[in-house]
């Protein structure tokens, strides 16, 4: 079975996810946000206890709060970084993003090892995550949809009764709303939505109750 485990890391409260096949014992780490040794040990301990082989890193987008732990996972598990190619400039600007928030020297530039695009598939053991292009919060934002396990990891595109901000470089409100309507609200109502911050929700709940997308 494909499982999702959530960790909340760093001062921004980023949701880092481990998506793993509990039979094949393979996993990908989504949006590694660990910022100190305690947070790194929390992730590593989970991976060790469950005897998981990390086969990749997926960043839903490359804003700094979702990138703090990329270097650690890449080094510790020899894992490639996958992200939308349009976010490459954001990855390169992570140190600059850190300085703008007054927290310099916490993360270096993030380079994309494997660019992923709409329609791509990412193997996790015996399952696949379907890549959905959902630009708007950032130019290269992607979501990861599992039709088998009925969940979608959406980064900062959609939240419980809210949507992602579009006032950061590369953000665009009309594009974001189009992505939500065309890629996410077309999914079944019972699909669980795992966002980049905050609690899980469902497609059906957001379709009915989210005031930003009515």
Protein backbone atom coordinates (compact mmCIF):
# COMPACT_ATOMS: atom_id res chain seq x y z
CA UNK A 1 0.00 0.00 0.00
CA UNK A 2 1.16 3.53 -0.73
CA UNK A 3 1.35 5.59 2.46
CA UNK A 4 1.92 9.25 3.32
CA UNK A 5 3.64 10.40 6.51
CA UNK A 6 3.74 14.10 7.39
CA UNK A 7 6.34 16.08 9.32
CA UNK A 8 6.04 19.77 10.19
CA UNK A 9 9.39 21.53 9.98
CA UNK A 10 11.07 24.94 10.33
CA UNK A 11 9.81 28.36 11.38
CA UNK A 12 7.38 28.45 8.43
CA UNK A 13 5.59 25.26 9.50
CA UNK A 14 6.25 23.46 6.23
CA UNK A 15 4.72 20.04 5.71
CA UNK A 16 7.38 17.60 4.58
CA UNK A 17 5.99 14.31 3.32
CA UNK A 18 7.44 10.84 3.01
CA UNK A 19 5.48 8.89 0.41
CA UNK A 20 6.29 5.20 0.72
CA UNK A 21 5.34 1.74 -0.45
CA UNK A 22 5.13 -0.41 2.68
CA UNK A 23 5.76 -3.60 0.71
CA UNK A 24 8.61 -2.56 -1.57
CA UNK A 25 10.02 -0.30 1.20
CA UNK A 26 10.81 2.48 -1.26
CA UNK A 27 10.08 6.14 -0.65
CA UNK A 28 10.33 9.68 -1.99
CA UNK A 29 10.70 12.73 0.23
CA UNK A 30 8.52 15.67 -0.78
CA UNK A 31 9.51 19.23 0.15
CA UNK A 32 12.26 18.50 2.70
CA UNK A 33 12.10 21.45 5.09
CA UNK A 34 14.37 20.35 7.94
CA UNK A 35 16.32 23.26 9.36
CA UNK A 36 18.34 21.79 12.25
CA UNK A 37 19.75 18.54 13.60
CA UNK A 38 16.62 17.69 15.58
CA UNK A 39 14.43 17.94 12.50
CA UNK A 40 16.91 16.01 10.37
CA UNK A 41 17.00 13.26 13.00
CA UNK A 42 13.18 13.09 13.03
CA UNK A 43 13.11 12.39 9.29
CA UNK A 44 16.11 10.07 9.28
CA UNK A 45 14.79 8.12 12.25
CA UNK A 46 11.49 7.49 10.50
CA UNK A 47 13.27 6.31 7.36
CA UNK A 48 15.55 4.03 9.37
CA UNK A 49 12.79 2.54 11.54
CA UNK A 50 10.74 1.67 8.49
CA UNK A 51 13.77 0.37 6.56
CA UNK A 52 13.02 2.61 3.60
CA UNK A 53 15.17 3.19 0.55
CA UNK A 54 14.80 6.82 -0.53
CA UNK A 55 14.71 6.89 -4.32
CA UNK A 56 14.19 10.60 -4.88
CA UNK A 57 13.34 14.08 -3.67
CA UNK A 58 10.35 15.89 -5.14
CA UNK A 59 9.88 19.60 -4.61
CA UNK A 60 6.41 20.87 -5.36
CA UNK A 61 8.11 24.25 -5.81
CA UNK A 62 11.38 25.90 -4.87
CA UNK A 63 10.55 28.58 -2.33
CA UNK A 64 13.15 28.51 0.42
CA UNK A 65 10.92 27.11 3.19
CA UNK A 66 10.42 23.93 1.17
CA UNK A 67 14.13 23.61 0.41
CA UNK A 68 16.01 23.85 3.71
CA UNK A 69 16.53 20.09 3.93
CA UNK A 70 17.22 19.30 0.28
CA UNK A 71 21.00 19.12 0.64
CA UNK A 72 20.74 16.76 3.61
CA UNK A 73 18.41 14.29 1.88
CA UNK A 74 20.40 14.48 -1.35
CA UNK A 75 23.66 13.74 0.45
CA UNK A 76 22.39 11.19 2.97
CA UNK A 77 20.45 9.08 0.47
CA UNK A 78 22.11 9.86 -2.88
CA UNK A 79 18.72 11.08 -4.08
CA UNK A 80 18.09 13.24 -7.14
CA UNK A 81 16.02 16.41 -6.90
CA UNK A 82 12.89 16.51 -9.06
CA UNK A 83 10.96 19.74 -9.67
CA UNK A 84 9.30 21.76 -12.40
CA UNK A 85 11.88 23.34 -14.71
CA UNK A 86 10.21 26.76 -14.56
CA UNK A 87 11.20 26.94 -10.89
CA UNK A 88 14.92 26.59 -11.65
CA UNK A 89 15.51 30.34 -11.13
CA UNK A 90 13.82 30.10 -7.71
CA UNK A 91 16.09 27.22 -6.79
CA UNK A 92 19.13 29.23 -7.76
CA UNK A 93 17.88 32.15 -5.68
CA UNK A 94 17.34 30.28 -2.40
CA UNK A 95 20.20 32.15 -0.65
CA UNK A 96 18.74 35.46 -1.83
CA UNK A 97 15.29 34.39 -0.63
CA UNK A 98 16.83 33.62 2.77
CA UNK A 99 18.42 37.06 2.98
CA UNK A 100 15.10 38.73 2.14
CA UNK A 101 13.50 36.94 5.10
CA UNK A 102 16.38 37.88 7.38
CA UNK A 103 17.62 34.30 7.79
CA UNK A 104 20.81 34.10 5.72
CA UNK A 105 23.13 31.11 5.45
CA UNK A 106 20.50 28.46 6.17
CA UNK A 107 20.32 26.98 2.67
CA UNK A 108 22.33 27.04 -0.51
CA UNK A 109 21.09 27.06 -4.10
CA UNK A 110 18.97 24.11 -5.17
CA UNK A 111 19.64 22.60 -8.58
CA UNK A 112 17.11 20.40 -10.33
CA UNK A 113 18.56 17.01 -11.26
CA UNK A 114 15.46 15.81 -13.09
CA UNK A 115 12.91 18.26 -14.44
CA UNK A 116 9.36 16.95 -14.20
CA UNK A 117 6.41 18.04 -16.30
CA UNK A 118 2.66 17.55 -16.48
CA UNK A 119 1.86 13.94 -17.30
CA UNK A 120 5.10 12.49 -15.96
CA UNK A 121 5.02 9.53 -13.58
CA UNK A 122 7.23 9.10 -10.52
CA UNK A 123 7.67 5.51 -9.35
CA UNK A 124 7.40 4.76 -5.64
CA UNK A 125 7.87 1.03 -5.27
CA UNK A 126 5.02 -0.62 -7.11
CA UNK A 127 3.01 2.60 -7.47
CA UNK A 128 3.21 5.82 -9.46
CA UNK A 129 2.61 9.45 -8.61
CA UNK A 130 1.07 11.41 -11.47
CA UNK A 131 2.63 14.84 -11.97
CA UNK A 132 0.15 17.70 -12.45
CA UNK A 133 1.37 21.13 -13.53
CA UNK A 134 -0.26 23.70 -11.23
CA UNK A 135 1.54 27.04 -11.79
CA UNK A 136 0.41 30.24 -10.14
CA UNK A 137 1.98 30.22 -6.70
CA UNK A 138 5.26 29.74 -8.53
CA UNK A 139 5.88 29.26 -12.25
CA UNK A 140 6.90 25.61 -11.91
CA UNK A 141 4.60 24.38 -9.15
CA UNK A 142 3.58 20.74 -9.45
CA UNK A 143 1.14 18.49 -7.61
CA UNK A 144 1.55 14.75 -7.07
CA UNK A 145 -1.60 12.66 -7.51
CA UNK A 146 -2.04 9.03 -6.52
CA UNK A 147 -5.21 7.56 -8.05
CA UNK A 148 -4.48 4.30 -6.20
CA UNK A 149 -4.27 5.79 -2.71
CA UNK A 150 -6.61 8.71 -3.51
CA UNK A 151 -4.46 11.61 -2.39
CA UNK A 152 -2.85 14.63 -3.99
CA UNK A 153 0.11 16.59 -2.60
CA UNK A 154 -0.35 20.17 -3.77
CA UNK A 155 2.41 22.27 -2.22
CA UNK A 156 1.26 25.86 -1.68
CA UNK A 157 -1.37 25.89 -4.41
CA UNK A 158 -4.43 24.94 -2.33
CA UNK A 159 -5.07 24.93 1.41
CA UNK A 160 -7.99 24.12 3.68
CA UNK A 161 -10.44 26.93 2.81
CA UNK A 162 -7.65 28.99 1.28
CA UNK A 163 -5.25 29.23 -1.66
CA UNK A 164 -1.58 30.03 -2.14
CA UNK A 165 -0.26 33.57 -2.17
CA UNK A 166 0.60 35.10 -5.52
CA UNK A 167 2.54 38.19 -4.44
CA UNK A 168 5.95 36.48 -4.48
CA UNK A 169 8.17 36.60 -7.60
CA UNK A 170 6.64 34.51 -10.37
CA UNK A 171 3.20 34.33 -8.76
CA UNK A 172 0.04 35.04 -10.74
CA UNK A 173 -3.50 34.95 -9.35
CA UNK A 174 -5.36 34.13 -12.57
CA UNK A 175 -2.92 31.34 -13.35
CA UNK A 176 -3.30 29.90 -9.84
CA UNK A 177 -7.10 29.86 -10.01
CA UNK A 178 -6.93 28.23 -13.44
CA UNK A 179 -4.61 25.53 -12.12
CA UNK A 180 -6.92 24.78 -9.20
CA UNK A 181 -10.01 24.54 -11.39
CA UNK A 182 -8.43 22.67 -14.30
CA UNK A 183 -6.14 20.25 -12.47
CA UNK A 184 -7.34 19.82 -8.88
CA UNK A 185 -11.10 20.31 -8.86
CA UNK A 186 -11.37 17.77 -11.68
CA UNK A 187 -10.24 15.06 -9.23
CA UNK A 188 -12.81 12.97 -7.31
CA UNK A 189 -14.34 14.49 -4.19
CA UNK A 190 -12.88 11.85 -1.87
CA UNK A 191 -9.27 12.58 -2.83
CA UNK A 192 -7.32 13.74 0.24
CA UNK A 193 -5.44 17.01 -0.26
CA UNK A 194 -2.06 17.29 1.45
CA UNK A 195 -0.96 20.93 1.41
CA UNK A 196 2.39 22.56 1.99
CA UNK A 197 1.18 24.05 5.27
CA UNK A 198 -1.70 23.24 7.57
CA UNK A 199 -4.04 20.28 7.85
CA UNK A 200 -5.23 17.83 5.19
CA UNK A 201 -8.55 18.43 3.49
CA UNK A 202 -10.40 16.86 0.56
CA UNK A 203 -11.23 17.95 -2.94
CA UNK A 204 -14.94 17.76 -2.15
CA UNK A 205 -14.60 19.89 0.97
CA UNK A 206 -12.70 22.59 -0.92
CA UNK A 207 -15.10 22.47 -3.84
CA UNK A 208 -17.97 23.22 -1.46
CA UNK A 209 -16.38 25.42 1.22
CA UNK A 210 -13.35 27.24 -0.15
CA UNK A 211 -14.40 30.89 -0.62
CA UNK A 212 -11.55 31.65 -3.04
CA UNK A 213 -12.60 29.20 -5.75
CA UNK A 214 -16.38 29.47 -5.86
